[in-house]
Amino acid sequence: MGPGLMESIYEDCLKYQLIKEGHKVLQQVQVPIIYDQLKLDTILKLDLIVDDLIVIELKAVEKLHPVHEAQLLTYMKLLKKPQGLLINFFTNNITKSMKPFVNEYFKDLPD
């Protein structure tokens, strides 16, 4: 079983749990890429958006790399979402494997 399949399973389970707890969750959201006035044919897909605020990117890899963080930060910026959470399920302690992120849109949130 490859990491892609494992990530899909974790994603479905996390989505189920978040909805069960009363959150609004979008899965496999397509992110268009617009450069200047050019809309590129390439479309990115992010794993989950929770409550229209938090972008969640899931991994099942031995080690997280800077490219994983850059991927999440890019999604946050393109969608103007203030918070992100990078979760690696390849661990024995899921709490320690989560990395939260915030960006400049965080200051625009209501108190």
C-alpha atoms as a PDB file:
ATOM      1  CA  MET A   1       0.000   0.000   0.000  1.00  0.00           C
ATOM      2  CA  GLY A   2       1.604   3.276  -1.134  1.00  0.00           C
ATOM      3  CA  PRO A   3       1.634   6.595   0.725  1.00  0.00           C
ATOM      4  CA  GLY A   4      -0.974   8.081  -1.653  1.00  0.00           C
ATOM      5  CA  LEU A   5      -3.539   5.447  -0.719  1.00  0.00           C
ATOM      6  CA  MET A   6      -2.756   5.805   2.981  1.00  0.00           C
ATOM      7  CA  GLU A   7      -3.138   9.590   2.751  1.00  0.00           C
ATOM      8  CA  SER A   8      -6.567   9.126   1.102  1.00  0.00           C
ATOM      9  CA  ILE A   9      -7.702   6.823   3.896  1.00  0.00           C
ATOM     10  CA  TYR A  10      -6.510   9.233   6.614  1.00  0.00           C
ATOM     11  CA  GLU A  11      -8.136  12.113   4.743  1.00  0.00           C
ATOM     12  CA  ASP A  12     -11.525  10.370   4.568  1.00  0.00           C
ATOM     13  CA  CYS A  13     -11.372   9.453   8.263  1.00  0.00           C
ATOM     14  CA  LEU A  14     -10.353  12.964   9.336  1.00  0.00           C
ATOM     15  CA  LYS A  15     -13.124  14.495   7.205  1.00  0.00           C
ATOM     16  CA  TYR A  16     -15.663  12.146   8.794  1.00  0.00           C
ATOM     17  CA  GLN A  17     -14.479  13.006  12.312  1.00  0.00           C
ATOM     18  CA  LEU A  18     -14.499  16.773  11.680  1.00  0.00           C
ATOM     19  CA  ILE A  19     -18.025  16.670  10.228  1.00  0.00           C
ATOM     20  CA  LYS A  20     -19.141  14.510  13.154  1.00  0.00           C
ATOM     21  CA  GLU A  21     -17.853  17.268  15.473  1.00  0.00           C
ATOM     22  CA  GLY A  22     -19.919  19.892  13.624  1.00  0.00           C
ATOM     23  CA  HIS A  23     -17.368  21.398  11.245  1.00  0.00           C
ATOM     24  CA  LYS A  24     -17.940  22.288   7.602  1.00  0.00           C
ATOM     25  CA  VAL A  25     -15.379  20.386   5.529  1.00  0.00           C
ATOM     26  CA  LEU A  26     -14.525  20.550   1.832  1.00  0.00           C
ATOM     27  CA  GLN A  27     -12.343  17.763   0.431  1.00  0.00           C
ATOM     28  CA  GLN A  28      -9.984  17.686  -2.579  1.00  0.00           C
ATOM     29  CA  VAL A  29     -10.582  21.356  -3.349  1.00  0.00           C
ATOM     30  CA  GLN A  30      -9.350  22.518  -6.729  1.00  0.00           C
ATOM     31  CA  VAL A  31      -7.153  25.607  -6.565  1.00  0.00           C
ATOM     32  CA  PRO A  32      -6.853  27.571  -9.813  1.00  0.00           C
ATOM     33  CA  ILE A  33      -3.521  29.191 -10.563  1.00  0.00           C
ATOM     34  CA  ILE A  34      -3.569  32.706 -11.970  1.00  0.00           C
ATOM     35  CA  TYR A  35      -0.334  34.434 -12.860  1.00  0.00           C
ATOM     36  CA  ASP A  36      -0.756  38.138 -13.619  1.00  0.00           C
ATOM     37  CA  GLN A  37      -3.805  37.921 -15.952  1.00  0.00           C
ATOM     38  CA  LEU A  38      -3.056  34.410 -17.192  1.00  0.00           C
ATOM     39  CA  LYS A  39      -5.113  31.518 -15.835  1.00  0.00           C
ATOM     40  CA  LEU A  40      -2.919  28.427 -16.070  1.00  0.00           C
ATOM     41  CA  ASP A  41      -4.296  25.052 -17.163  1.00  0.00           C
ATOM     42  CA  THR A  42      -2.634  23.441 -14.157  1.00  0.00           C
ATOM     43  CA  ILE A  43      -4.941  23.012 -11.181  1.00  0.00           C
ATOM     44  CA  LEU A  44      -3.732  22.194  -7.683  1.00  0.00           C
ATOM     45  CA  LYS A  45      -5.802  20.054  -5.314  1.00  0.00           C
ATOM     46  CA  LEU A  46      -5.603  20.524  -1.595  1.00  0.00           C
ATOM     47  CA  ASP A  47      -6.766  17.908   0.875  1.00  0.00           C
ATOM     48  CA  LEU A  48      -9.226  19.658   3.207  1.00  0.00           C
ATOM     49  CA  ILE A  49     -10.609  23.094   4.071  1.00  0.00           C
ATOM     50  CA  VAL A  50     -12.271  23.314   7.476  1.00  0.00           C
ATOM     51  CA  ASP A  51     -14.859  25.973   8.327  1.00  0.00           C
ATOM     52  CA  ASP A  52     -13.690  28.005   5.300  1.00  0.00           C
ATOM     53  CA  LEU A  53     -10.632  29.077   7.345  1.00  0.00           C
ATOM     54  CA  ILE A  54      -8.152  26.257   7.801  1.00  0.00           C
ATOM     55  CA  VAL A  55      -6.303  24.469   5.001  1.00  0.00           C
ATOM     56  CA  ILE A  56      -5.229  20.971   6.003  1.00  0.00           C
ATOM     57  CA  GLU A  57      -2.583  19.089   4.058  1.00  0.00           C
ATOM     58  CA  LEU A  58      -2.070  15.442   4.967  1.00  0.00           C
ATOM     59  CA  LYS A  59       1.034  13.357   4.442  1.00  0.00           C
ATOM     60  CA  ALA A  60       2.065   9.800   5.229  1.00  0.00           C
ATOM     61  CA  VAL A  61       5.810  10.119   4.752  1.00  0.00           C
ATOM     62  CA  GLU A  62       8.836   9.115   6.787  1.00  0.00           C
ATOM     63  CA  LYS A  63       9.982  12.733   7.026  1.00  0.00           C
ATOM     64  CA  LEU A  64       8.387  16.067   6.218  1.00  0.00           C
ATOM     65  CA  HIS A  65      10.421  18.279   3.909  1.00  0.00           C
ATOM     66  CA  PRO A  66      10.362  22.046   3.276  1.00  0.00           C
ATOM     67  CA  VAL A  67       8.477  21.437   0.022  1.00  0.00           C
ATOM     68  CA  HIS A  68       5.523  20.118   2.055  1.00  0.00           C
ATOM     69  CA  GLU A  69       5.406  23.343   4.058  1.00  0.00           C
ATOM     70  CA  ALA A  70       5.761  25.426   0.873  1.00  0.00           C
ATOM     71  CA  GLN A  71       2.870  23.503  -0.668  1.00  0.00           C
ATOM     72  CA  LEU A  72       0.581  24.297   2.273  1.00  0.00           C
ATOM     73  CA  LEU A  73       1.655  27.954   2.425  1.00  0.00           C
ATOM     74  CA  THR A  74       0.980  28.283  -1.317  1.00  0.00           C
ATOM     75  CA  TYR A  75      -2.534  26.879  -0.934  1.00  0.00           C
ATOM     76  CA  MET A  76      -3.190  29.284   1.945  1.00  0.00           C
ATOM     77  CA  LYS A  77      -2.006  32.247  -0.096  1.00  0.00           C
ATOM     78  CA  LEU A  78      -3.873  31.336  -3.289  1.00  0.00           C
ATOM     79  CA  LEU A  79      -7.136  30.851  -1.397  1.00  0.00           C
ATOM     80  CA  LYS A  80      -6.530  33.716   1.079  1.00  0.00           C
ATOM     81  CA  LYS A  81      -7.015  31.403   4.046  1.00  0.00           C
ATOM     82  CA  PRO A  82      -5.437  32.524   7.346  1.00  0.00           C
ATOM     83  CA  GLN A  83      -4.572  29.174   8.896  1.00  0.00           C
ATOM     84  CA  GLY A  84      -3.042  25.913   7.798  1.00  0.00           C
ATOM     85  CA  LEU A  85      -2.216  22.597   9.372  1.00  0.00           C
ATOM     86  CA  LEU A  86       0.308  20.116   8.020  1.00  0.00           C
ATOM     87  CA  ILE A  87      -0.245  16.639   9.445  1.00  0.00           C
ATOM     88  CA  ASN A  88       2.049  13.662   8.935  1.00  0.00           C
ATOM     89  CA  PHE A  89       0.403  10.363   9.806  1.00  0.00           C
ATOM     90  CA  PHE A  90       3.672   8.417   9.567  1.00  0.00           C
ATOM     91  CA  THR A  91       4.304   8.740  13.305  1.00  0.00           C
ATOM     92  CA  ASN A  92       3.596   7.179  16.657  1.00  0.00           C
ATOM     93  CA  ASN A  93       2.463  10.552  18.081  1.00  0.00           C
ATOM     94  CA  ILE A  94       0.108  12.451  15.774  1.00  0.00           C
ATOM     95  CA  THR A  95      -0.015  15.486  18.075  1.00  0.00           C
ATOM     96  CA  LYS A  96       3.735  16.018  17.768  1.00  0.00           C
ATOM     97  CA  SER A  97       3.637  15.537  13.991  1.00  0.00           C
ATOM     98  CA  MET A  98       1.210  18.437  13.356  1.00  0.00           C
ATOM     99  CA  LYS A  99       2.632  21.785  12.227  1.00  0.00           C
ATOM    100  CA  PRO A 100       0.341  24.829  12.394  1.00  0.00           C
ATOM    101  CA  PHE A 101       0.810  27.841  10.122  1.00  0.00           C
ATOM    102  CA  VAL A 102      -0.694  31.325   9.942  1.00  0.00           C
ATOM    103  CA  ASN A 103      -0.204  34.026   7.339  1.00  0.00           C
ATOM    104  CA  GLU A 104      -1.017  37.706   6.765  1.00  0.00           C
ATOM    105  CA  TYR A 105      -4.746  36.955   6.394  1.00  0.00           C
ATOM    106  CA  PHE A 106      -4.870  35.975  10.065  1.00  0.00           C
ATOM    107  CA  LYS A 107      -4.924  39.658  11.101  1.00  0.00           C
ATOM    108  CA  ASP A 108      -8.187  40.121   9.174  1.00  0.00           C
ATOM    109  CA  LEU A 109     -10.085  37.613  11.284  1.00  0.00           C
ATOM    110  CA  PRO A 110     -12.777  39.053  13.570  1.00  0.00           C
ATOM    111  CA  ASP A 111     -12.011  39.035  17.305  1.00  0.00           C
END
